[in-house]
Amino acid sequence: MWCRGIRGATTVDNDTVDDILRECKELLQMMIDANGVKPEDVACAIFTTTSDLNSAFPATAARQLGWTDVPLMCSKEIDVPGSVKGCIRLLILYNTERSAEDIVHIYIKGASNLRSDSSGTR
């Protein structure tokens, strides 16, 4: 068994609690479904937001999906000029038998162009 990382990102239209939690739940659920993730196999999850988002902790979405025993952390992205705004990124580290090339990374909405080289981009 290996500890592998799954990357994902999405965007929100408005900096509101509802928008942030809804979009994070959607992204997280897609990442779970695409990779067969079970909470007991997750080592940790790290959420980042761009500087224009501050209405909610995105990790709250994972708690609402039942990840009560998973270590979660939220942080800010580097504010690079010209980068995607309203963006939430997620890195899940989990134990799996999957090879690195079998991991499906999920990039949706306005973040879909962040990793166009990724075969799992949706």
N, C-alpha and C. Protein backbone atom coordinates (compact mmCIF):
# COMPACT_ATOMS: atom_id res chain seq x y z
N MET A 1 0.84 -1.18 0.00
CA MET A 1 0.00 0.00 0.00
C MET A 1 0.89 1.25 0.00
N TRP A 2 0.48 2.24 -0.74
CA TRP A 2 1.23 3.49 -0.89
C TRP A 2 0.40 4.67 -0.42
N CYS A 3 1.06 5.73 0.01
CA CYS A 3 0.37 6.99 0.27
C CYS A 3 0.47 7.81 -1.01
N ARG A 4 -0.67 8.10 -1.61
CA ARG A 4 -0.72 8.83 -2.88
C ARG A 4 -1.47 10.14 -2.68
N GLY A 5 -1.21 11.08 -3.56
CA GLY A 5 -1.90 12.36 -3.53
C GLY A 5 -2.90 12.47 -4.67
N ILE A 6 -4.05 13.02 -4.35
CA ILE A 6 -5.06 13.35 -5.36
C ILE A 6 -5.22 14.86 -5.34
N ARG A 7 -5.07 15.49 -6.51
CA ARG A 7 -5.24 16.93 -6.61
C ARG A 7 -6.58 17.25 -7.24
N GLY A 8 -7.13 18.39 -6.84
CA GLY A 8 -8.37 18.86 -7.44
C GLY A 8 -8.52 20.34 -7.23
N ALA A 9 -9.37 20.95 -8.04
CA ALA A 9 -9.63 22.39 -7.90
C ALA A 9 -10.98 22.72 -8.52
N THR A 10 -11.58 23.76 -7.99
CA THR A 10 -12.84 24.28 -8.51
C THR A 10 -12.85 25.79 -8.28
N THR A 11 -13.87 26.43 -8.76
CA THR A 11 -14.04 27.86 -8.50
C THR A 11 -15.45 28.11 -7.97
N VAL A 12 -15.59 29.25 -7.31
CA VAL A 12 -16.89 29.69 -6.82
C VAL A 12 -17.22 31.03 -7.46
N ASP A 13 -18.50 31.27 -7.67
CA ASP A 13 -18.93 32.54 -8.26
C ASP A 13 -18.94 33.67 -7.25
N ASN A 14 -19.27 33.33 -5.99
CA ASN A 14 -19.39 34.35 -4.94
C ASN A 14 -18.72 33.87 -3.67
N ASP A 15 -18.15 34.81 -2.94
CA ASP A 15 -17.51 34.51 -1.67
C ASP A 15 -18.57 34.45 -0.56
N THR A 16 -19.34 33.36 -0.58
CA THR A 16 -20.36 33.14 0.45
C THR A 16 -20.15 31.76 1.06
N VAL A 17 -20.64 31.58 2.27
CA VAL A 17 -20.54 30.28 2.93
C VAL A 17 -21.19 29.21 2.06
N ASP A 18 -22.40 29.49 1.59
CA ASP A 18 -23.12 28.49 0.78
C ASP A 18 -22.36 28.11 -0.48
N ASP A 19 -21.85 29.09 -1.21
CA ASP A 19 -21.12 28.79 -2.45
C ASP A 19 -19.85 27.98 -2.17
N ILE A 20 -19.10 28.38 -1.18
CA ILE A 20 -17.85 27.69 -0.88
C ILE A 20 -18.11 26.25 -0.47
N LEU A 21 -19.06 26.04 0.44
CA LEU A 21 -19.34 24.68 0.90
C LEU A 21 -19.96 23.81 -0.19
N ARG A 22 -20.84 24.37 -0.99
CA ARG A 22 -21.46 23.60 -2.08
C ARG A 22 -20.41 23.15 -3.09
N GLU A 23 -19.56 24.06 -3.53
CA GLU A 23 -18.55 23.73 -4.53
C GLU A 23 -17.49 22.78 -3.98
N CYS A 24 -17.12 22.94 -2.71
CA CYS A 24 -16.15 22.02 -2.09
C CYS A 24 -16.73 20.62 -1.97
N LYS A 25 -17.99 20.52 -1.58
CA LYS A 25 -18.63 19.20 -1.49
C LYS A 25 -18.67 18.53 -2.85
N GLU A 26 -19.02 19.29 -3.88
CA GLU A 26 -19.07 18.72 -5.22
C GLU A 26 -17.69 18.20 -5.64
N LEU A 27 -16.66 19.03 -5.46
CA LEU A 27 -15.30 18.63 -5.83
C LEU A 27 -14.85 17.42 -5.03
N LEU A 28 -15.03 17.46 -3.73
CA LEU A 28 -14.60 16.36 -2.89
C LEU A 28 -15.33 15.06 -3.26
N GLN A 29 -16.63 15.13 -3.50
CA GLN A 29 -17.38 13.93 -3.86
C GLN A 29 -16.89 13.36 -5.18
N MET A 30 -16.57 14.22 -6.14
CA MET A 30 -16.04 13.74 -7.42
C MET A 30 -14.69 13.05 -7.23
N MET A 31 -13.85 13.62 -6.36
CA MET A 31 -12.54 13.03 -6.10
C MET A 31 -12.69 11.67 -5.41
N ILE A 32 -13.63 11.59 -4.46
CA ILE A 32 -13.90 10.33 -3.75
C ILE A 32 -14.38 9.27 -4.73
N ASP A 33 -15.37 9.63 -5.54
CA ASP A 33 -15.96 8.67 -6.48
C ASP A 33 -14.95 8.19 -7.53
N ALA A 34 -14.15 9.09 -8.05
CA ALA A 34 -13.21 8.74 -9.11
C ALA A 34 -12.05 7.88 -8.63
N ASN A 35 -11.77 7.94 -7.32
CA ASN A 35 -10.59 7.24 -6.80
C ASN A 35 -10.90 6.20 -5.73
N GLY A 36 -12.18 5.99 -5.44
CA GLY A 36 -12.56 4.99 -4.44
C GLY A 36 -12.04 5.31 -3.05
N VAL A 37 -12.03 6.57 -2.69
CA VAL A 37 -11.48 7.00 -1.40
C VAL A 37 -12.46 6.69 -0.27
N LYS A 38 -11.92 6.10 0.80
CA LYS A 38 -12.67 5.87 2.03
C LYS A 38 -12.02 6.72 3.13
N PRO A 39 -12.81 7.37 3.96
CA PRO A 39 -12.23 8.24 5.00
C PRO A 39 -11.16 7.55 5.85
N GLU A 40 -11.33 6.28 6.14
CA GLU A 40 -10.36 5.59 6.99
C GLU A 40 -9.00 5.40 6.30
N ASP A 41 -8.94 5.59 4.99
CA ASP A 41 -7.68 5.49 4.27
C ASP A 41 -6.99 6.84 4.06
N VAL A 42 -7.65 7.92 4.46
CA VAL A 42 -7.11 9.26 4.22
C VAL A 42 -6.15 9.65 5.34
N ALA A 43 -4.93 10.02 4.96
CA ALA A 43 -3.94 10.50 5.93
C ALA A 43 -4.24 11.94 6.32
N CYS A 44 -4.58 12.78 5.31
CA CYS A 44 -4.94 14.17 5.57
C CYS A 44 -5.44 14.80 4.28
N ALA A 45 -6.06 15.96 4.43
CA ALA A 45 -6.50 16.73 3.28
C ALA A 45 -6.17 18.20 3.53
N ILE A 46 -5.63 18.83 2.50
CA ILE A 46 -5.24 20.24 2.59
C ILE A 46 -6.03 21.03 1.56
N PHE A 47 -6.75 22.04 2.04
CA PHE A 47 -7.54 22.91 1.20
C PHE A 47 -6.85 24.27 1.14
N THR A 48 -6.81 24.86 -0.05
CA THR A 48 -6.32 26.23 -0.17
C THR A 48 -7.34 27.06 -0.92
N THR A 49 -7.34 28.35 -0.63
CA THR A 49 -8.21 29.28 -1.34
C THR A 49 -7.39 30.46 -1.83
N THR A 50 -7.87 31.09 -2.87
CA THR A 50 -7.26 32.32 -3.32
C THR A 50 -7.61 33.41 -2.32
N SER A 51 -6.88 34.51 -2.36
CA SER A 51 -7.02 35.56 -1.34
C SER A 51 -8.39 36.23 -1.34
N ASP A 52 -9.16 36.08 -2.40
CA ASP A 52 -10.49 36.71 -2.46
C ASP A 52 -11.58 35.88 -1.79
N LEU A 53 -11.24 34.73 -1.24
CA LEU A 53 -12.23 33.88 -0.55
C LEU A 53 -11.91 33.81 0.93
N ASN A 54 -12.87 34.22 1.75
CA ASN A 54 -12.65 34.15 3.20
C ASN A 54 -13.94 33.99 4.01
N SER A 55 -15.04 33.61 3.37
CA SER A 55 -16.32 33.49 4.07
C SER A 55 -16.49 32.18 4.83
N ALA A 56 -15.72 31.16 4.49
CA ALA A 56 -15.87 29.86 5.14
C ALA A 56 -14.57 29.07 5.02
N PHE A 57 -14.39 28.16 5.96
CA PHE A 57 -13.30 27.20 5.86
C PHE A 57 -13.75 26.10 4.91
N PRO A 58 -13.08 25.88 3.80
CA PRO A 58 -13.50 24.84 2.87
C PRO A 58 -13.49 23.44 3.49
N ALA A 59 -12.66 23.21 4.48
CA ALA A 59 -12.61 21.89 5.12
C ALA A 59 -13.93 21.54 5.81
N THR A 60 -14.73 22.53 6.11
CA THR A 60 -16.05 22.27 6.70
C THR A 60 -16.87 21.35 5.81
N ALA A 61 -16.70 21.47 4.50
CA ALA A 61 -17.43 20.61 3.55
C ALA A 61 -17.07 19.15 3.79
N ALA A 62 -15.80 18.86 4.04
CA ALA A 62 -15.39 17.48 4.30
C ALA A 62 -16.00 16.97 5.60
N ARG A 63 -16.04 17.82 6.60
CA ARG A 63 -16.67 17.42 7.87
C ARG A 63 -18.15 17.10 7.65
N GLN A 64 -18.81 17.92 6.83
CA GLN A 64 -20.23 17.70 6.56
C GLN A 64 -20.47 16.42 5.76
N LEU A 65 -19.45 15.94 5.05
CA LEU A 65 -19.56 14.67 4.31
C LEU A 65 -19.13 13.47 5.17
N GLY A 66 -18.86 13.72 6.44
CA GLY A 66 -18.55 12.63 7.36
C GLY A 66 -17.09 12.40 7.67
N TRP A 67 -16.21 13.26 7.19
CA TRP A 67 -14.79 13.10 7.46
C TRP A 67 -14.46 13.67 8.84
N THR A 68 -14.99 13.07 9.88
CA THR A 68 -14.84 13.60 11.24
C THR A 68 -13.51 13.24 11.88
N ASP A 69 -12.87 12.17 11.43
CA ASP A 69 -11.61 11.74 12.02
C ASP A 69 -10.39 11.99 11.12
N VAL A 70 -10.60 12.69 10.02
CA VAL A 70 -9.52 12.97 9.08
C VAL A 70 -8.88 14.32 9.42
N PRO A 71 -7.55 14.37 9.54
CA PRO A 71 -6.89 15.66 9.76
C PRO A 71 -7.06 16.56 8.52
N LEU A 72 -7.58 17.76 8.74
CA LEU A 72 -7.84 18.70 7.65
C LEU A 72 -7.15 20.02 7.95
N MET A 73 -6.73 20.71 6.89
CA MET A 73 -6.09 22.01 7.05
C MET A 73 -6.51 22.93 5.91
N CYS A 74 -6.69 24.20 6.24
CA CYS A 74 -6.98 25.22 5.23
C CYS A 74 -5.84 26.23 5.21
N SER A 75 -5.57 26.75 4.02
CA SER A 75 -4.49 27.72 3.86
C SER A 75 -4.81 28.63 2.67
N LYS A 76 -4.02 29.67 2.50
CA LYS A 76 -4.17 30.59 1.37
C LYS A 76 -3.16 30.25 0.29
N GLU A 77 -3.59 30.41 -0.96
CA GLU A 77 -2.70 30.25 -2.11
C GLU A 77 -1.81 31.49 -2.24
N ILE A 78 -0.71 31.35 -2.90
CA ILE A 78 0.13 32.50 -3.25
C ILE A 78 -0.65 33.36 -4.24
N ASP A 79 -0.65 34.66 -4.02
CA ASP A 79 -1.41 35.59 -4.87
C ASP A 79 -0.58 35.98 -6.09
N VAL A 80 -0.58 35.11 -7.08
CA VAL A 80 0.20 35.32 -8.30
C VAL A 80 -0.63 36.17 -9.27
N PRO A 81 -0.05 37.25 -9.80
CA PRO A 81 -0.79 38.08 -10.76
C PRO A 81 -1.27 37.24 -11.95
N GLY A 82 -2.54 37.43 -12.32
CA GLY A 82 -3.12 36.74 -13.46
C GLY A 82 -3.63 35.35 -13.17
N SER A 83 -3.51 34.90 -11.91
CA SER A 83 -3.98 33.55 -11.59
C SER A 83 -5.50 33.51 -11.45
N VAL A 84 -6.05 32.31 -11.46
CA VAL A 84 -7.49 32.10 -11.35
C VAL A 84 -7.98 32.64 -10.01
N LYS A 85 -9.05 33.42 -10.04
CA LYS A 85 -9.65 33.97 -8.82
C LYS A 85 -10.82 33.09 -8.38
N GLY A 86 -11.19 33.21 -7.12
CA GLY A 86 -12.30 32.42 -6.60
C GLY A 86 -12.02 30.94 -6.66
N CYS A 87 -10.76 30.56 -6.48
CA CYS A 87 -10.34 29.17 -6.68
C CYS A 87 -10.09 28.47 -5.35
N ILE A 88 -10.57 27.25 -5.27
CA ILE A 88 -10.33 26.38 -4.13
C ILE A 88 -9.59 25.15 -4.66
N ARG A 89 -8.45 24.86 -4.04
CA ARG A 89 -7.67 23.69 -4.42
C ARG A 89 -7.69 22.69 -3.27
N LEU A 90 -7.55 21.44 -3.60
CA LEU A 90 -7.60 20.38 -2.60
C LEU A 90 -6.56 19.32 -2.91
N LEU A 91 -5.81 18.93 -1.89
CA LEU A 91 -4.86 17.83 -1.98
C LEU A 91 -5.25 16.82 -0.91
N ILE A 92 -5.58 15.60 -1.36
CA ILE A 92 -5.89 14.50 -0.45
C ILE A 92 -4.73 13.52 -0.49
N LEU A 93 -4.19 13.19 0.67
CA LEU A 93 -3.17 12.15 0.79
C LEU A 93 -3.85 10.93 1.39
N TYR A 94 -3.82 9.82 0.64
CA TYR A 94 -4.50 8.62 1.12
C TYR A 94 -3.73 7.36 0.79
N ASN A 95 -4.00 6.31 1.56
CA ASN A 95 -3.35 5.02 1.38
C ASN A 95 -4.15 4.21 0.38
N THR A 96 -3.45 3.70 -0.62
CA THR A 96 -4.11 2.99 -1.70
C THR A 96 -3.17 1.99 -2.36
N GLU A 97 -3.76 1.03 -3.04
CA GLU A 97 -3.01 0.09 -3.85
C GLU A 97 -2.82 0.62 -5.27
N ARG A 98 -3.51 1.72 -5.62
CA ARG A 98 -3.43 2.28 -6.98
C ARG A 98 -2.02 2.80 -7.27
N SER A 99 -1.63 2.67 -8.51
CA SER A 99 -0.37 3.27 -8.94
C SER A 99 -0.58 4.77 -9.13
N ALA A 100 0.50 5.51 -9.15
CA ALA A 100 0.39 6.96 -9.31
C ALA A 100 -0.31 7.33 -10.61
N GLU A 101 -0.08 6.57 -11.68
CA GLU A 101 -0.71 6.90 -12.96
C GLU A 101 -2.20 6.55 -12.99
N ASP A 102 -2.67 5.78 -12.00
CA ASP A 102 -4.09 5.44 -11.94
C ASP A 102 -4.91 6.42 -11.10
N ILE A 103 -4.25 7.38 -10.48
CA ILE A 103 -4.95 8.39 -9.68
C ILE A 103 -5.64 9.35 -10.63
N VAL A 104 -6.91 9.67 -10.32
CA VAL A 104 -7.69 10.59 -11.15
C VAL A 104 -7.76 11.93 -10.43
N HIS A 105 -7.15 12.94 -11.02
CA HIS A 105 -7.19 14.30 -10.48
C HIS A 105 -8.38 15.02 -11.11
N ILE A 106 -9.06 15.85 -10.34
CA ILE A 106 -10.30 16.48 -10.78
C ILE A 106 -10.17 18.00 -10.78
N TYR A 107 -10.35 18.60 -11.93
CA TYR A 107 -10.34 20.06 -12.08
C TYR A 107 -11.62 20.46 -12.80
N ILE A 108 -12.45 21.24 -12.12
CA ILE A 108 -13.77 21.57 -12.67
C ILE A 108 -14.01 23.08 -12.66
N LYS A 109 -15.06 23.46 -13.34
CA LYS A 109 -15.52 24.85 -13.46
C LYS A 109 -14.37 25.73 -13.96
N GLY A 110 -14.17 26.89 -13.36
CA GLY A 110 -13.14 27.81 -13.82
C GLY A 110 -11.73 27.34 -13.58
N ALA A 111 -11.58 26.23 -12.87
CA ALA A 111 -10.26 25.67 -12.60
C ALA A 111 -9.89 24.57 -13.59
N SER A 112 -10.77 24.29 -14.53
CA SER A 112 -10.54 23.17 -15.44
C SER A 112 -9.30 23.35 -16.32
N ASN A 113 -8.86 24.56 -16.51
CA ASN A 113 -7.67 24.79 -17.34
C ASN A 113 -6.37 24.77 -16.55
N LEU A 114 -6.44 24.55 -15.25
CA LEU A 114 -5.22 24.55 -14.44
C LEU A 114 -4.33 23.35 -14.73
N ARG A 115 -4.92 22.22 -15.07
CA ARG A 115 -4.16 21.01 -15.34
C ARG A 115 -4.69 20.32 -16.57
N SER A 116 -4.64 20.96 -17.70
CA SER A 116 -5.15 20.35 -18.92
C SER A 116 -4.33 19.14 -19.34
N ASP A 117 -3.15 18.98 -18.75
CA ASP A 117 -2.31 17.81 -19.05
C ASP A 117 -2.75 16.58 -18.28
N SER A 118 -3.63 16.74 -17.31
CA SER A 118 -4.05 15.63 -16.48
C SER A 118 -5.15 14.82 -17.16
N SER A 119 -4.95 13.51 -17.25
CA SER A 119 -5.92 12.66 -17.92
C SER A 119 -7.24 12.59 -17.17
N GLY A 120 -7.23 12.91 -15.87
CA GLY A 120 -8.44 12.85 -15.08
C GLY A 120 -9.18 14.17 -14.99
N THR A 121 -8.73 15.17 -15.70
CA THR A 121 -9.37 16.48 -15.66
C THR A 121 -10.80 16.38 -16.17
N ARG A 122 -11.72 16.98 -15.41
CA ARG A 122 -13.12 16.94 -15.81
C ARG A 122 -13.72 18.32 -15.75
